[in-house]
Amino acid sequence: MDEKSTIAALAALAQPTRLQTFRLLVAHEPDGVPAGELARLIGVPQNTMSAHLSTLSQAGLVTGERQSRSILYRADLDRFRAVALYLLKDCCGGNASLCQPLIDDLACCSARAAPGLSQ
């Protein structure tokens, strides 16, 4: 991950509909959501959703897979992880105690998301 790619990903997420769409796709991993269903769930016209999905795709945050007559979209969690790691690479100048609250929050989030794990 480099600065240019990170800026593109952050810019793609810096719009309410795209951020909502990405979060919705993350919540539906690994199954994905068809484009039309995304538009319905977010409450925007399909052509508007198409434009937003294009922006997210160009930033590498979502992927689309044609299934019959529709396209199933999924969040690219590896790409999002790379963006987050790029931002945190030199977290707190190497002072682990300053980063620990962030690490704890992320670990808690992971435990909630993983089936069968207790909090």
N, C-alpha and C. Protein backbone atom coordinates (compact mmCIF):
# COMPACT_ATOMS: atom_id res chain seq x y z
N MET A 1 0.87 -1.17 0.00
CA MET A 1 0.00 0.00 0.00
C MET A 1 0.91 1.22 0.00
N ASP A 2 0.53 2.20 -0.80
CA ASP A 2 1.29 3.44 -0.84
C ASP A 2 0.37 4.63 -0.55
N GLU A 3 0.97 5.80 -0.50
CA GLU A 3 0.21 7.00 -0.15
C GLU A 3 -0.92 7.28 -1.14
N LYS A 4 -0.62 7.15 -2.43
CA LYS A 4 -1.62 7.45 -3.46
C LYS A 4 -2.84 6.52 -3.34
N SER A 5 -2.60 5.23 -3.16
CA SER A 5 -3.69 4.26 -3.02
C SER A 5 -4.50 4.50 -1.76
N THR A 6 -3.81 4.85 -0.69
CA THR A 6 -4.49 5.13 0.58
C THR A 6 -5.39 6.35 0.45
N ILE A 7 -4.88 7.39 -0.19
CA ILE A 7 -5.68 8.60 -0.39
C ILE A 7 -6.91 8.29 -1.24
N ALA A 8 -6.75 7.48 -2.27
CA ALA A 8 -7.89 7.11 -3.13
C ALA A 8 -8.95 6.35 -2.33
N ALA A 9 -8.51 5.43 -1.47
CA ALA A 9 -9.46 4.67 -0.66
C ALA A 9 -10.18 5.57 0.33
N LEU A 10 -9.43 6.44 1.00
CA LEU A 10 -10.06 7.35 1.96
C LEU A 10 -11.01 8.32 1.27
N ALA A 11 -10.63 8.80 0.09
CA ALA A 11 -11.50 9.71 -0.65
C ALA A 11 -12.80 9.01 -1.06
N ALA A 12 -12.69 7.75 -1.44
CA ALA A 12 -13.89 7.00 -1.83
C ALA A 12 -14.84 6.84 -0.65
N LEU A 13 -14.30 6.69 0.54
CA LEU A 13 -15.12 6.51 1.73
C LEU A 13 -15.60 7.84 2.33
N ALA A 14 -15.08 8.94 1.82
CA ALA A 14 -15.40 10.26 2.39
C ALA A 14 -16.68 10.85 1.80
N GLN A 15 -17.67 10.01 1.65
CA GLN A 15 -18.98 10.42 1.13
C GLN A 15 -20.01 9.52 1.81
N PRO A 16 -21.08 10.08 2.35
CA PRO A 16 -22.00 9.30 3.17
C PRO A 16 -22.56 8.03 2.52
N THR A 17 -23.01 8.11 1.29
CA THR A 17 -23.60 6.92 0.64
C THR A 17 -22.56 5.84 0.42
N ARG A 18 -21.36 6.23 0.02
CA ARG A 18 -20.31 5.24 -0.20
C ARG A 18 -19.86 4.61 1.12
N LEU A 19 -19.76 5.41 2.16
CA LEU A 19 -19.39 4.86 3.47
C LEU A 19 -20.46 3.89 3.96
N GLN A 20 -21.73 4.27 3.83
CA GLN A 20 -22.83 3.37 4.22
C GLN A 20 -22.79 2.07 3.41
N THR A 21 -22.53 2.21 2.13
CA THR A 21 -22.48 1.04 1.24
C THR A 21 -21.34 0.11 1.65
N PHE A 22 -20.17 0.67 1.90
CA PHE A 22 -19.03 -0.15 2.30
C PHE A 22 -19.31 -0.85 3.62
N ARG A 23 -19.85 -0.14 4.59
CA ARG A 23 -20.17 -0.74 5.88
C ARG A 23 -21.21 -1.85 5.74
N LEU A 24 -22.18 -1.64 4.87
CA LEU A 24 -23.20 -2.66 4.63
C LEU A 24 -22.58 -3.90 4.00
N LEU A 25 -21.67 -3.69 3.05
CA LEU A 25 -21.00 -4.83 2.44
C LEU A 25 -20.14 -5.59 3.45
N VAL A 26 -19.47 -4.87 4.33
CA VAL A 26 -18.67 -5.52 5.38
C VAL A 26 -19.58 -6.36 6.26
N ALA A 27 -20.75 -5.83 6.61
CA ALA A 27 -21.69 -6.56 7.47
C ALA A 27 -22.22 -7.82 6.79
N HIS A 28 -22.19 -7.86 5.45
CA HIS A 28 -22.71 -9.01 4.71
C HIS A 28 -21.61 -9.92 4.18
N GLU A 29 -20.41 -9.78 4.69
CA GLU A 29 -19.34 -10.68 4.29
C GLU A 29 -19.57 -12.05 4.90
N PRO A 30 -19.24 -13.11 4.20
CA PRO A 30 -18.62 -13.18 2.88
C PRO A 30 -19.63 -13.32 1.74
N ASP A 31 -20.92 -13.22 2.05
CA ASP A 31 -21.93 -13.50 1.03
C ASP A 31 -22.03 -12.45 -0.07
N GLY A 32 -21.81 -11.18 0.28
CA GLY A 32 -21.98 -10.11 -0.69
C GLY A 32 -23.43 -9.72 -0.84
N VAL A 33 -23.66 -8.67 -1.62
CA VAL A 33 -25.02 -8.14 -1.83
C VAL A 33 -25.14 -7.73 -3.30
N PRO A 34 -26.24 -8.11 -3.96
CA PRO A 34 -26.45 -7.66 -5.34
C PRO A 34 -26.61 -6.14 -5.40
N ALA A 35 -26.21 -5.55 -6.50
CA ALA A 35 -26.25 -4.10 -6.66
C ALA A 35 -27.64 -3.52 -6.42
N GLY A 36 -28.65 -4.14 -6.99
CA GLY A 36 -30.01 -3.64 -6.82
C GLY A 36 -30.46 -3.65 -5.37
N GLU A 37 -30.07 -4.69 -4.65
CA GLU A 37 -30.42 -4.80 -3.23
C GLU A 37 -29.68 -3.72 -2.42
N LEU A 38 -28.43 -3.45 -2.79
CA LEU A 38 -27.69 -2.38 -2.12
C LEU A 38 -28.41 -1.05 -2.28
N ALA A 39 -28.85 -0.76 -3.50
CA ALA A 39 -29.57 0.49 -3.76
C ALA A 39 -30.83 0.56 -2.92
N ARG A 40 -31.56 -0.54 -2.83
CA ARG A 40 -32.79 -0.57 -2.05
C ARG A 40 -32.50 -0.37 -0.56
N LEU A 41 -31.50 -1.07 -0.05
CA LEU A 41 -31.18 -0.99 1.38
C LEU A 41 -30.68 0.40 1.79
N ILE A 42 -29.92 1.03 0.91
CA ILE A 42 -29.39 2.36 1.20
C ILE A 42 -30.42 3.45 0.90
N GLY A 43 -31.34 3.13 -0.02
CA GLY A 43 -32.38 4.09 -0.36
C GLY A 43 -31.98 5.11 -1.41
N VAL A 44 -31.23 4.63 -2.42
CA VAL A 44 -30.84 5.50 -3.52
C VAL A 44 -31.24 4.83 -4.84
N PRO A 45 -31.39 5.63 -5.91
CA PRO A 45 -31.69 5.03 -7.22
C PRO A 45 -30.55 4.11 -7.68
N GLN A 46 -30.89 3.11 -8.48
CA GLN A 46 -29.89 2.15 -8.92
C GLN A 46 -28.75 2.79 -9.70
N ASN A 47 -29.05 3.79 -10.52
CA ASN A 47 -27.97 4.43 -11.29
C ASN A 47 -27.03 5.21 -10.37
N THR A 48 -27.57 5.77 -9.31
CA THR A 48 -26.74 6.46 -8.32
C THR A 48 -25.85 5.45 -7.60
N MET A 49 -26.42 4.32 -7.22
CA MET A 49 -25.64 3.28 -6.55
C MET A 49 -24.54 2.78 -7.46
N SER A 50 -24.85 2.64 -8.73
CA SER A 50 -23.85 2.18 -9.70
C SER A 50 -22.65 3.12 -9.72
N ALA A 51 -22.89 4.41 -9.71
CA ALA A 51 -21.80 5.38 -9.70
C ALA A 51 -20.97 5.26 -8.42
N HIS A 52 -21.64 5.08 -7.28
CA HIS A 52 -20.92 4.93 -6.02
C HIS A 52 -20.10 3.64 -5.99
N LEU A 53 -20.67 2.56 -6.50
CA LEU A 53 -19.95 1.30 -6.54
C LEU A 53 -18.74 1.38 -7.47
N SER A 54 -18.87 2.13 -8.53
CA SER A 54 -17.75 2.33 -9.44
C SER A 54 -16.59 3.04 -8.72
N THR A 55 -16.92 4.06 -7.95
CA THR A 55 -15.89 4.79 -7.21
C THR A 55 -15.22 3.88 -6.19
N LEU A 56 -16.02 3.10 -5.47
CA LEU A 56 -15.46 2.17 -4.48
C LEU A 56 -14.61 1.09 -5.15
N SER A 57 -15.05 0.63 -6.32
CA SER A 57 -14.28 -0.38 -7.06
C SER A 57 -12.96 0.18 -7.54
N GLN A 58 -12.97 1.40 -8.08
CA GLN A 58 -11.75 2.02 -8.56
C GLN A 58 -10.74 2.22 -7.44
N ALA A 59 -11.24 2.43 -6.23
CA ALA A 59 -10.36 2.59 -5.07
C ALA A 59 -9.92 1.23 -4.52
N GLY A 60 -10.46 0.15 -5.07
CA GLY A 60 -10.07 -1.18 -4.65
C GLY A 60 -10.77 -1.67 -3.39
N LEU A 61 -11.82 -0.99 -2.97
CA LEU A 61 -12.48 -1.36 -1.72
C LEU A 61 -13.60 -2.37 -1.89
N VAL A 62 -14.14 -2.49 -3.11
CA VAL A 62 -15.18 -3.49 -3.37
C VAL A 62 -14.86 -4.21 -4.67
N THR A 63 -15.38 -5.42 -4.76
CA THR A 63 -15.26 -6.19 -5.99
C THR A 63 -16.66 -6.60 -6.42
N GLY A 64 -16.83 -6.74 -7.70
CA GLY A 64 -18.11 -7.16 -8.25
C GLY A 64 -17.94 -8.43 -9.06
N GLU A 65 -18.90 -9.34 -8.91
CA GLU A 65 -18.88 -10.61 -9.62
C GLU A 65 -20.23 -10.81 -10.28
N ARG A 66 -20.20 -10.96 -11.59
CA ARG A 66 -21.45 -11.16 -12.31
C ARG A 66 -22.03 -12.53 -11.97
N GLN A 67 -23.31 -12.51 -11.61
CA GLN A 67 -24.05 -13.74 -11.37
C GLN A 67 -25.37 -13.62 -12.12
N SER A 68 -25.42 -14.31 -13.23
CA SER A 68 -26.58 -14.26 -14.09
C SER A 68 -26.76 -12.82 -14.59
N ARG A 69 -27.90 -12.20 -14.26
CA ARG A 69 -28.16 -10.84 -14.75
C ARG A 69 -27.78 -9.75 -13.77
N SER A 70 -27.28 -10.10 -12.61
CA SER A 70 -26.93 -9.08 -11.63
C SER A 70 -25.46 -9.19 -11.25
N ILE A 71 -24.98 -8.21 -10.54
CA ILE A 71 -23.60 -8.20 -10.06
C ILE A 71 -23.64 -8.25 -8.55
N LEU A 72 -22.92 -9.20 -7.99
CA LEU A 72 -22.83 -9.36 -6.55
C LEU A 72 -21.58 -8.63 -6.07
N TYR A 73 -21.76 -7.71 -5.14
CA TYR A 73 -20.64 -6.92 -4.64
C TYR A 73 -20.22 -7.41 -3.26
N ARG A 74 -18.91 -7.35 -3.04
CA ARG A 74 -18.31 -7.71 -1.76
C ARG A 74 -17.27 -6.66 -1.38
N ALA A 75 -17.13 -6.47 -0.07
CA ALA A 75 -16.06 -5.60 0.43
C ALA A 75 -14.74 -6.33 0.26
N ASP A 76 -13.71 -5.62 -0.15
CA ASP A 76 -12.38 -6.21 -0.24
C ASP A 76 -11.69 -5.92 1.10
N LEU A 77 -11.85 -6.85 2.02
CA LEU A 77 -11.33 -6.65 3.37
C LEU A 77 -9.81 -6.65 3.43
N ASP A 78 -9.17 -7.37 2.52
CA ASP A 78 -7.71 -7.34 2.48
C ASP A 78 -7.21 -5.95 2.11
N ARG A 79 -7.87 -5.34 1.15
CA ARG A 79 -7.49 -3.98 0.74
C ARG A 79 -7.75 -2.99 1.87
N PHE A 80 -8.89 -3.11 2.54
CA PHE A 80 -9.20 -2.21 3.64
C PHE A 80 -8.20 -2.41 4.78
N ARG A 81 -7.82 -3.65 5.04
CA ARG A 81 -6.81 -3.94 6.06
C ARG A 81 -5.49 -3.25 5.69
N ALA A 82 -5.13 -3.30 4.42
CA ALA A 82 -3.89 -2.66 3.98
C ALA A 82 -3.94 -1.14 4.19
N VAL A 83 -5.11 -0.54 3.94
CA VAL A 83 -5.27 0.90 4.18
C VAL A 83 -5.09 1.20 5.67
N ALA A 84 -5.76 0.43 6.51
CA ALA A 84 -5.66 0.65 7.96
C ALA A 84 -4.23 0.45 8.44
N LEU A 85 -3.56 -0.57 7.95
CA LEU A 85 -2.17 -0.81 8.37
C LEU A 85 -1.25 0.29 7.88
N TYR A 86 -1.50 0.80 6.69
CA TYR A 86 -0.69 1.92 6.20
C TYR A 86 -0.83 3.12 7.14
N LEU A 87 -2.06 3.39 7.56
CA LEU A 87 -2.30 4.52 8.46
C LEU A 87 -1.65 4.31 9.83
N LEU A 88 -1.59 3.07 10.27
CA LEU A 88 -1.11 2.76 11.61
C LEU A 88 0.32 2.25 11.66
N LYS A 89 0.98 2.21 10.53
CA LYS A 89 2.30 1.59 10.45
C LYS A 89 3.26 2.11 11.51
N ASP A 90 3.32 3.37 11.69
CA ASP A 90 4.23 3.96 12.68
C ASP A 90 3.44 4.49 13.86
N CYS A 91 2.45 3.71 14.26
CA CYS A 91 1.53 4.11 15.32
C CYS A 91 2.26 4.62 16.56
N CYS A 92 1.95 5.85 16.91
CA CYS A 92 2.42 6.46 18.15
C CYS A 92 3.94 6.45 18.28
N GLY A 93 4.64 6.52 17.16
CA GLY A 93 6.10 6.58 17.20
C GLY A 93 6.75 5.38 17.85
N GLY A 94 6.08 4.24 17.81
CA GLY A 94 6.64 3.04 18.39
C GLY A 94 6.35 2.86 19.87
N ASN A 95 5.63 3.78 20.47
CA ASN A 95 5.28 3.69 21.89
C ASN A 95 4.03 2.81 22.01
N ALA A 96 4.24 1.54 22.31
CA ALA A 96 3.16 0.57 22.33
C ALA A 96 2.05 0.93 23.32
N SER A 97 2.40 1.56 24.41
CA SER A 97 1.37 1.89 25.40
C SER A 97 0.37 2.91 24.86
N LEU A 98 0.81 3.79 23.98
CA LEU A 98 -0.11 4.75 23.37
C LEU A 98 -1.05 4.08 22.37
N CYS A 99 -0.58 3.02 21.71
CA CYS A 99 -1.38 2.31 20.72
C CYS A 99 -2.29 1.26 21.34
N GLN A 100 -2.03 0.86 22.58
CA GLN A 100 -2.76 -0.25 23.18
C GLN A 100 -4.28 -0.05 23.18
N PRO A 101 -4.82 1.14 23.50
CA PRO A 101 -6.28 1.29 23.44
C PRO A 101 -6.86 1.00 22.05
N LEU A 102 -6.17 1.43 21.01
CA LEU A 102 -6.62 1.15 19.64
C LEU A 102 -6.56 -0.35 19.36
N ILE A 103 -5.49 -0.98 19.76
CA ILE A 103 -5.36 -2.43 19.55
C ILE A 103 -6.46 -3.17 20.30
N ASP A 104 -6.74 -2.75 21.53
CA ASP A 104 -7.81 -3.38 22.31
C ASP A 104 -9.16 -3.23 21.62
N ASP A 105 -9.45 -2.04 21.11
CA ASP A 105 -10.71 -1.80 20.41
C ASP A 105 -10.83 -2.69 19.17
N LEU A 106 -9.75 -2.81 18.42
CA LEU A 106 -9.78 -3.64 17.22
C LEU A 106 -9.93 -5.11 17.58
N ALA A 107 -9.29 -5.56 18.64
CA ALA A 107 -9.40 -6.95 19.07
C ALA A 107 -10.82 -7.25 19.52
N CYS A 108 -11.43 -6.32 20.21
CA CYS A 108 -12.81 -6.50 20.67
C CYS A 108 -13.75 -6.60 19.47
N CYS A 109 -13.54 -5.77 18.49
CA CYS A 109 -14.34 -5.79 17.27
C CYS A 109 -14.21 -7.12 16.56
N SER A 110 -13.00 -7.65 16.48
CA SER A 110 -12.76 -8.93 15.83
C SER A 110 -13.44 -10.05 16.57
N ALA A 111 -13.41 -10.00 17.89
CA ALA A 111 -14.04 -11.06 18.68
C ALA A 111 -15.55 -11.07 18.49
N ARG A 112 -16.16 -9.87 18.37
CA ARG A 112 -17.61 -9.80 18.16
C ARG A 112 -17.98 -10.32 16.79
N ALA A 113 -17.14 -10.07 15.81
CA ALA A 113 -17.46 -10.44 14.43
C ALA A 113 -17.27 -11.93 14.18
N ALA A 114 -16.37 -12.55 14.92
CA ALA A 114 -16.09 -13.97 14.66
C ALA A 114 -17.10 -14.86 15.37
N PRO A 115 -17.76 -15.74 14.63
CA PRO A 115 -18.74 -16.63 15.26
C PRO A 115 -18.08 -17.56 16.25
N GLY A 116 -18.76 -17.78 17.36
CA GLY A 116 -18.28 -18.72 18.34
C GLY A 116 -17.30 -18.14 19.35
N LEU A 117 -16.88 -16.90 19.15
CA LEU A 117 -15.96 -16.29 20.10
C LEU A 117 -16.74 -15.47 21.11
N SER A 118 -16.35 -15.57 22.34
CA SER A 118 -17.02 -14.78 23.38
C SER A 118 -16.31 -13.44 23.51
N GLN A 119 -17.02 -12.47 24.09
CA GLN A 119 -16.44 -11.14 24.23
C GLN A 119 -15.71 -11.00 25.53
